[in-house]
Amino acid sequence: MRPAPGSRPSVPPEPDSIMIESHPRSGLPPKIFPFEDFNHSHVAEMDPPPPQSPWHPFLTRADFEFAEFTLDASLSRRQCDTLISLVHRLIKGEDTFTFECVADLQKGWARAAQSRVAPVHT
């Protein structure tokens, strides 16, 4: 006698049976389906719904790209907070940003090195 499709048998499964195991943290038991009873609808039922946007679970694409940048750059928590504060100052119009590319940044460092003025820490 065969177990009901999707149930966990007390005896070893038949040859060619298909067992679907969920991630251990899901708490879901393995499901075994006889080969002839299995079809793609079993798998489709287990798939999570597609995300609402490609950057889900982040609220916006900019949030995702910012998070990805901080991860790629291995920024510390302090560096992330500093960068977030800078972005918000710019958004609020409290400051301006003149660098257009890396060359502009390098020119800024070169001017600072030539001026021999101690850097200003905020």
N, C-alpha and C. Protein backbone atom coordinates (compact mmCIF):
# COMPACT_ATOMS: atom_id res chain seq x y z
N MET A 1 0.84 -1.19 0.00
CA MET A 1 0.00 0.00 0.00
C MET A 1 0.88 1.25 0.00
N ARG A 2 0.58 2.17 -0.85
CA ARG A 2 1.35 3.40 -0.96
C ARG A 2 0.86 4.44 0.03
N PRO A 3 1.79 5.29 0.55
CA PRO A 3 1.34 6.41 1.38
C PRO A 3 0.66 7.45 0.51
N ALA A 4 -0.15 8.26 1.11
CA ALA A 4 -0.81 9.34 0.39
C ALA A 4 0.22 10.29 -0.17
N PRO A 5 -0.02 10.84 -1.37
CA PRO A 5 0.95 11.79 -1.94
C PRO A 5 1.21 12.94 -0.97
N GLY A 6 2.48 13.27 -0.81
CA GLY A 6 2.86 14.38 0.05
C GLY A 6 3.01 14.00 1.51
N SER A 7 2.71 12.76 1.87
CA SER A 7 2.85 12.36 3.28
C SER A 7 4.20 11.72 3.50
N ARG A 8 4.60 11.64 4.73
CA ARG A 8 5.88 11.03 5.06
C ARG A 8 5.64 9.56 5.39
N PRO A 9 6.21 8.65 4.61
CA PRO A 9 5.94 7.24 4.82
C PRO A 9 6.72 6.69 6.01
N SER A 10 6.19 5.62 6.57
CA SER A 10 6.90 4.96 7.67
C SER A 10 7.83 3.89 7.11
N VAL A 11 7.70 3.58 5.83
CA VAL A 11 8.58 2.62 5.16
C VAL A 11 9.38 3.38 4.12
N PRO A 12 10.49 2.83 3.67
CA PRO A 12 11.29 3.53 2.64
C PRO A 12 10.46 3.81 1.40
N PRO A 13 10.71 4.91 0.72
CA PRO A 13 9.95 5.24 -0.49
C PRO A 13 10.25 4.26 -1.61
N GLU A 14 9.33 4.18 -2.55
CA GLU A 14 9.51 3.32 -3.71
C GLU A 14 10.60 3.90 -4.61
N PRO A 15 11.24 3.05 -5.42
CA PRO A 15 12.22 3.57 -6.36
C PRO A 15 11.58 4.63 -7.26
N ASP A 16 12.34 5.62 -7.63
CA ASP A 16 11.93 6.73 -8.49
C ASP A 16 10.98 7.72 -7.81
N SER A 17 10.72 7.54 -6.52
CA SER A 17 9.90 8.52 -5.82
C SER A 17 10.66 9.83 -5.74
N ILE A 18 9.91 10.90 -5.59
CA ILE A 18 10.53 12.22 -5.53
C ILE A 18 10.29 12.79 -4.14
N MET A 19 11.39 13.18 -3.49
CA MET A 19 11.29 13.76 -2.14
C MET A 19 11.64 15.23 -2.24
N ILE A 20 10.77 16.07 -1.65
CA ILE A 20 11.00 17.51 -1.61
C ILE A 20 11.31 17.87 -0.17
N GLU A 21 12.51 18.42 0.03
CA GLU A 21 12.91 18.85 1.36
C GLU A 21 12.99 20.37 1.40
N SER A 22 12.36 20.95 2.40
CA SER A 22 12.41 22.39 2.58
C SER A 22 13.62 22.73 3.44
N HIS A 23 13.96 24.00 3.48
CA HIS A 23 15.06 24.45 4.33
C HIS A 23 14.77 24.05 5.78
N PRO A 24 15.79 23.59 6.52
CA PRO A 24 15.55 23.15 7.91
C PRO A 24 14.85 24.19 8.79
N ARG A 25 15.14 25.46 8.57
CA ARG A 25 14.51 26.50 9.40
C ARG A 25 13.03 26.71 9.10
N SER A 26 12.56 26.15 7.98
CA SER A 26 11.14 26.32 7.63
C SER A 26 10.25 25.51 8.56
N GLY A 27 10.81 24.44 9.15
CA GLY A 27 10.02 23.59 10.02
C GLY A 27 9.11 22.64 9.26
N LEU A 28 9.19 22.63 7.94
CA LEU A 28 8.34 21.76 7.13
C LEU A 28 8.99 20.39 6.98
N PRO A 29 8.19 19.33 7.13
CA PRO A 29 8.76 17.99 6.97
C PRO A 29 8.99 17.68 5.49
N PRO A 30 9.87 16.74 5.19
CA PRO A 30 10.04 16.33 3.80
C PRO A 30 8.74 15.74 3.26
N LYS A 31 8.52 15.88 1.96
CA LYS A 31 7.33 15.31 1.31
C LYS A 31 7.82 14.35 0.23
N ILE A 32 7.18 13.19 0.18
CA ILE A 32 7.55 12.18 -0.81
C ILE A 32 6.35 11.93 -1.72
N PHE A 33 6.62 11.97 -3.03
CA PHE A 33 5.58 11.75 -4.02
C PHE A 33 6.00 10.59 -4.91
N PRO A 34 5.10 9.63 -5.17
CA PRO A 34 5.42 8.61 -6.16
C PRO A 34 5.66 9.28 -7.51
N PHE A 35 6.59 8.76 -8.26
CA PHE A 35 6.98 9.39 -9.52
C PHE A 35 5.78 9.67 -10.42
N GLU A 36 4.89 8.69 -10.55
CA GLU A 36 3.76 8.86 -11.47
C GLU A 36 2.74 9.90 -10.99
N ASP A 37 2.76 10.21 -9.67
CA ASP A 37 1.83 11.22 -9.14
C ASP A 37 2.42 12.62 -9.12
N PHE A 38 3.72 12.71 -9.32
CA PHE A 38 4.39 14.00 -9.21
C PHE A 38 4.19 14.80 -10.49
N ASN A 39 3.96 16.10 -10.34
CA ASN A 39 3.95 17.00 -11.49
C ASN A 39 4.42 18.37 -11.00
N HIS A 40 4.58 19.26 -11.92
CA HIS A 40 5.15 20.57 -11.58
C HIS A 40 4.27 21.38 -10.65
N SER A 41 3.01 21.06 -10.53
CA SER A 41 2.14 21.84 -9.63
C SER A 41 2.59 21.70 -8.18
N HIS A 42 3.19 20.56 -7.82
CA HIS A 42 3.68 20.40 -6.45
C HIS A 42 4.79 21.41 -6.15
N VAL A 43 5.67 21.60 -7.11
CA VAL A 43 6.78 22.54 -6.93
C VAL A 43 6.25 23.97 -6.93
N ALA A 44 5.32 24.28 -7.83
CA ALA A 44 4.79 25.64 -7.93
C ALA A 44 4.11 26.06 -6.63
N GLU A 45 3.46 25.12 -5.95
CA GLU A 45 2.79 25.44 -4.69
C GLU A 45 3.79 25.84 -3.62
N MET A 46 5.03 25.39 -3.73
CA MET A 46 6.03 25.65 -2.71
C MET A 46 6.83 26.93 -2.97
N ASP A 47 6.76 27.45 -4.19
CA ASP A 47 7.53 28.65 -4.52
C ASP A 47 6.97 29.86 -3.79
N PRO A 48 7.85 30.72 -3.26
CA PRO A 48 7.35 31.96 -2.66
C PRO A 48 6.83 32.89 -3.74
N PRO A 49 5.95 33.81 -3.38
CA PRO A 49 5.46 34.74 -4.40
C PRO A 49 6.60 35.60 -4.93
N PRO A 50 6.54 35.98 -6.19
CA PRO A 50 7.62 36.81 -6.74
C PRO A 50 7.66 38.16 -6.02
N PRO A 51 8.84 38.74 -5.90
CA PRO A 51 8.93 40.05 -5.23
C PRO A 51 8.19 41.12 -6.01
N GLN A 52 7.79 42.16 -5.30
CA GLN A 52 7.05 43.25 -5.92
C GLN A 52 7.95 44.07 -6.84
N SER A 53 9.22 44.09 -6.57
CA SER A 53 10.16 44.84 -7.38
C SER A 53 11.49 44.11 -7.36
N PRO A 54 12.35 44.36 -8.34
CA PRO A 54 13.64 43.67 -8.38
C PRO A 54 14.52 43.95 -7.16
N TRP A 55 14.29 45.06 -6.47
CA TRP A 55 15.14 45.41 -5.33
C TRP A 55 14.47 45.06 -4.00
N HIS A 56 13.33 44.37 -4.05
CA HIS A 56 12.66 43.92 -2.83
C HIS A 56 13.62 43.06 -2.03
N PRO A 57 13.76 43.17 -0.74
CA PRO A 57 12.89 43.83 0.24
C PRO A 57 13.26 45.28 0.53
N PHE A 58 14.20 45.87 -0.20
CA PHE A 58 14.52 47.28 0.01
C PHE A 58 13.36 48.13 -0.51
N LEU A 59 13.14 49.27 0.12
CA LEU A 59 11.99 50.10 -0.23
C LEU A 59 12.13 50.77 -1.60
N THR A 60 13.35 51.13 -1.97
CA THR A 60 13.57 51.78 -3.26
C THR A 60 14.81 51.22 -3.92
N ARG A 61 14.93 51.48 -5.22
CA ARG A 61 16.13 51.05 -5.94
C ARG A 61 17.37 51.75 -5.37
N ALA A 62 17.22 53.04 -5.03
CA ALA A 62 18.36 53.78 -4.47
C ALA A 62 18.80 53.17 -3.14
N ASP A 63 17.84 52.76 -2.31
CA ASP A 63 18.19 52.11 -1.04
C ASP A 63 18.99 50.83 -1.30
N PHE A 64 18.53 50.04 -2.29
CA PHE A 64 19.23 48.81 -2.63
C PHE A 64 20.65 49.10 -3.12
N GLU A 65 20.77 50.05 -4.05
CA GLU A 65 22.08 50.37 -4.61
C GLU A 65 23.02 50.92 -3.54
N PHE A 66 22.49 51.71 -2.62
CA PHE A 66 23.30 52.23 -1.53
C PHE A 66 23.78 51.08 -0.64
N ALA A 67 22.87 50.19 -0.28
CA ALA A 67 23.23 49.05 0.56
C ALA A 67 24.27 48.17 -0.13
N GLU A 68 24.08 47.95 -1.43
CA GLU A 68 25.03 47.15 -2.19
C GLU A 68 26.40 47.81 -2.23
N PHE A 69 26.42 49.14 -2.42
CA PHE A 69 27.68 49.89 -2.43
C PHE A 69 28.40 49.77 -1.09
N THR A 70 27.67 49.97 0.01
CA THR A 70 28.32 49.91 1.33
C THR A 70 28.87 48.51 1.60
N LEU A 71 28.18 47.49 1.11
CA LEU A 71 28.66 46.12 1.29
C LEU A 71 29.91 45.87 0.44
N ASP A 72 29.84 46.27 -0.83
CA ASP A 72 31.00 46.09 -1.73
C ASP A 72 32.22 46.84 -1.24
N ALA A 73 32.00 48.02 -0.66
CA ALA A 73 33.10 48.85 -0.19
C ALA A 73 33.56 48.47 1.21
N SER A 74 32.87 47.53 1.83
CA SER A 74 33.19 47.08 3.20
C SER A 74 33.24 48.26 4.17
N LEU A 75 32.26 49.16 4.05
CA LEU A 75 32.22 50.32 4.94
C LEU A 75 31.84 49.89 6.35
N SER A 76 32.45 50.55 7.31
CA SER A 76 32.11 50.29 8.71
C SER A 76 30.77 50.95 9.03
N ARG A 77 30.24 50.64 10.18
CA ARG A 77 28.98 51.25 10.62
C ARG A 77 29.14 52.78 10.69
N ARG A 78 30.26 53.24 11.23
CA ARG A 78 30.53 54.67 11.35
C ARG A 78 30.61 55.32 9.97
N GLN A 79 31.29 54.66 9.04
CA GLN A 79 31.40 55.20 7.68
C GLN A 79 30.03 55.25 6.99
N CYS A 80 29.21 54.23 7.20
CA CYS A 80 27.85 54.24 6.63
C CYS A 80 27.04 55.40 7.20
N ASP A 81 27.10 55.60 8.51
CA ASP A 81 26.37 56.71 9.13
C ASP A 81 26.83 58.05 8.58
N THR A 82 28.14 58.21 8.41
CA THR A 82 28.69 59.45 7.86
C THR A 82 28.19 59.69 6.44
N LEU A 83 28.22 58.65 5.62
CA LEU A 83 27.77 58.77 4.23
C LEU A 83 26.27 59.07 4.17
N ILE A 84 25.48 58.41 5.00
CA ILE A 84 24.04 58.66 5.04
C ILE A 84 23.77 60.11 5.44
N SER A 85 24.50 60.61 6.44
CA SER A 85 24.33 62.00 6.86
C SER A 85 24.67 62.96 5.73
N LEU A 86 25.75 62.69 5.01
CA LEU A 86 26.14 63.53 3.88
C LEU A 86 25.04 63.55 2.82
N VAL A 87 24.52 62.39 2.47
CA VAL A 87 23.47 62.31 1.45
C VAL A 87 22.26 63.13 1.88
N HIS A 88 21.86 63.02 3.14
CA HIS A 88 20.70 63.78 3.61
C HIS A 88 20.95 65.29 3.62
N ARG A 89 22.18 65.70 3.94
CA ARG A 89 22.50 67.14 3.87
C ARG A 89 22.36 67.64 2.45
N LEU A 90 22.81 66.85 1.49
CA LEU A 90 22.71 67.24 0.08
C LEU A 90 21.25 67.28 -0.37
N ILE A 91 20.47 66.28 0.03
CA ILE A 91 19.05 66.25 -0.34
C ILE A 91 18.32 67.48 0.20
N LYS A 92 18.65 67.87 1.42
CA LYS A 92 17.99 69.01 2.06
C LYS A 92 18.51 70.35 1.55
N GLY A 93 19.54 70.32 0.70
CA GLY A 93 20.10 71.55 0.17
C GLY A 93 20.98 72.28 1.17
N GLU A 94 21.43 71.59 2.19
CA GLU A 94 22.28 72.22 3.21
C GLU A 94 23.74 72.30 2.79
N ASP A 95 24.08 71.65 1.68
CA ASP A 95 25.47 71.65 1.21
C ASP A 95 25.44 71.38 -0.29
N THR A 96 26.56 71.58 -0.96
CA THR A 96 26.66 71.28 -2.38
C THR A 96 27.77 70.26 -2.59
N PHE A 97 27.70 69.56 -3.71
CA PHE A 97 28.67 68.52 -4.04
C PHE A 97 29.16 68.82 -5.44
N THR A 98 30.47 69.05 -5.59
CA THR A 98 31.00 69.47 -6.88
C THR A 98 31.76 68.38 -7.64
N PHE A 99 32.10 67.29 -7.00
CA PHE A 99 32.83 66.23 -7.70
C PHE A 99 31.93 65.58 -8.74
N GLU A 100 32.48 65.47 -9.97
CA GLU A 100 31.75 64.81 -11.05
C GLU A 100 32.33 63.43 -11.34
N CYS A 101 33.62 63.24 -10.94
CA CYS A 101 34.29 61.97 -11.22
C CYS A 101 35.49 61.82 -10.28
N VAL A 102 36.16 60.69 -10.39
CA VAL A 102 37.32 60.42 -9.54
C VAL A 102 38.42 61.46 -9.76
N ALA A 103 38.58 61.91 -11.00
CA ALA A 103 39.61 62.92 -11.28
C ALA A 103 39.37 64.18 -10.45
N ASP A 104 38.10 64.58 -10.28
CA ASP A 104 37.79 65.76 -9.46
C ASP A 104 38.20 65.52 -8.00
N LEU A 105 37.94 64.33 -7.51
CA LEU A 105 38.34 63.98 -6.14
C LEU A 105 39.85 64.04 -6.00
N GLN A 106 40.56 63.49 -6.96
CA GLN A 106 42.03 63.51 -6.91
C GLN A 106 42.58 64.93 -6.97
N LYS A 107 41.96 65.79 -7.78
CA LYS A 107 42.38 67.19 -7.84
C LYS A 107 42.16 67.87 -6.48
N GLY A 108 41.05 67.54 -5.84
CA GLY A 108 40.77 68.08 -4.51
C GLY A 108 41.84 67.67 -3.51
N TRP A 109 42.24 66.40 -3.54
CA TRP A 109 43.31 65.93 -2.65
C TRP A 109 44.63 66.61 -2.98
N ALA A 110 44.89 66.81 -4.27
CA ALA A 110 46.15 67.47 -4.67
C ALA A 110 46.17 68.92 -4.17
N ARG A 111 45.05 69.64 -4.29
CA ARG A 111 44.98 71.02 -3.77
C ARG A 111 45.19 71.04 -2.26
N ALA A 112 44.60 70.05 -1.58
CA ALA A 112 44.75 69.98 -0.12
C ALA A 112 46.20 69.72 0.26
N ALA A 113 46.88 68.86 -0.50
CA ALA A 113 48.28 68.54 -0.20
C ALA A 113 49.18 69.75 -0.43
N GLN A 114 48.88 70.54 -1.46
CA GLN A 114 49.69 71.71 -1.76
C GLN A 114 49.44 72.84 -0.77
N SER A 115 48.28 72.91 -0.21
CA SER A 115 47.96 74.01 0.69
C SER A 115 48.59 73.86 2.07
N ARG A 116 48.99 72.64 2.39
CA ARG A 116 49.61 72.33 3.70
C ARG A 116 48.74 72.80 4.86
N VAL A 117 47.47 72.78 4.66
CA VAL A 117 46.52 73.14 5.70
C VAL A 117 46.01 71.86 6.32
N ALA A 118 45.89 71.86 7.63
CA ALA A 118 45.38 70.67 8.31
C ALA A 118 43.93 70.43 7.87
N PRO A 119 43.55 69.15 7.65
CA PRO A 119 42.19 68.86 7.22
C PRO A 119 41.17 69.23 8.32
N VAL A 120 40.00 69.59 7.87
CA VAL A 120 38.92 69.96 8.79
C VAL A 120 38.10 68.71 9.06
N HIS A 121 37.93 68.34 10.31
CA HIS A 121 37.11 67.19 10.68
C HIS A 121 35.80 67.71 11.23
N THR A 122 34.72 67.15 10.72
CA THR A 122 33.39 67.59 11.19
C THR A 122 32.87 66.66 12.25
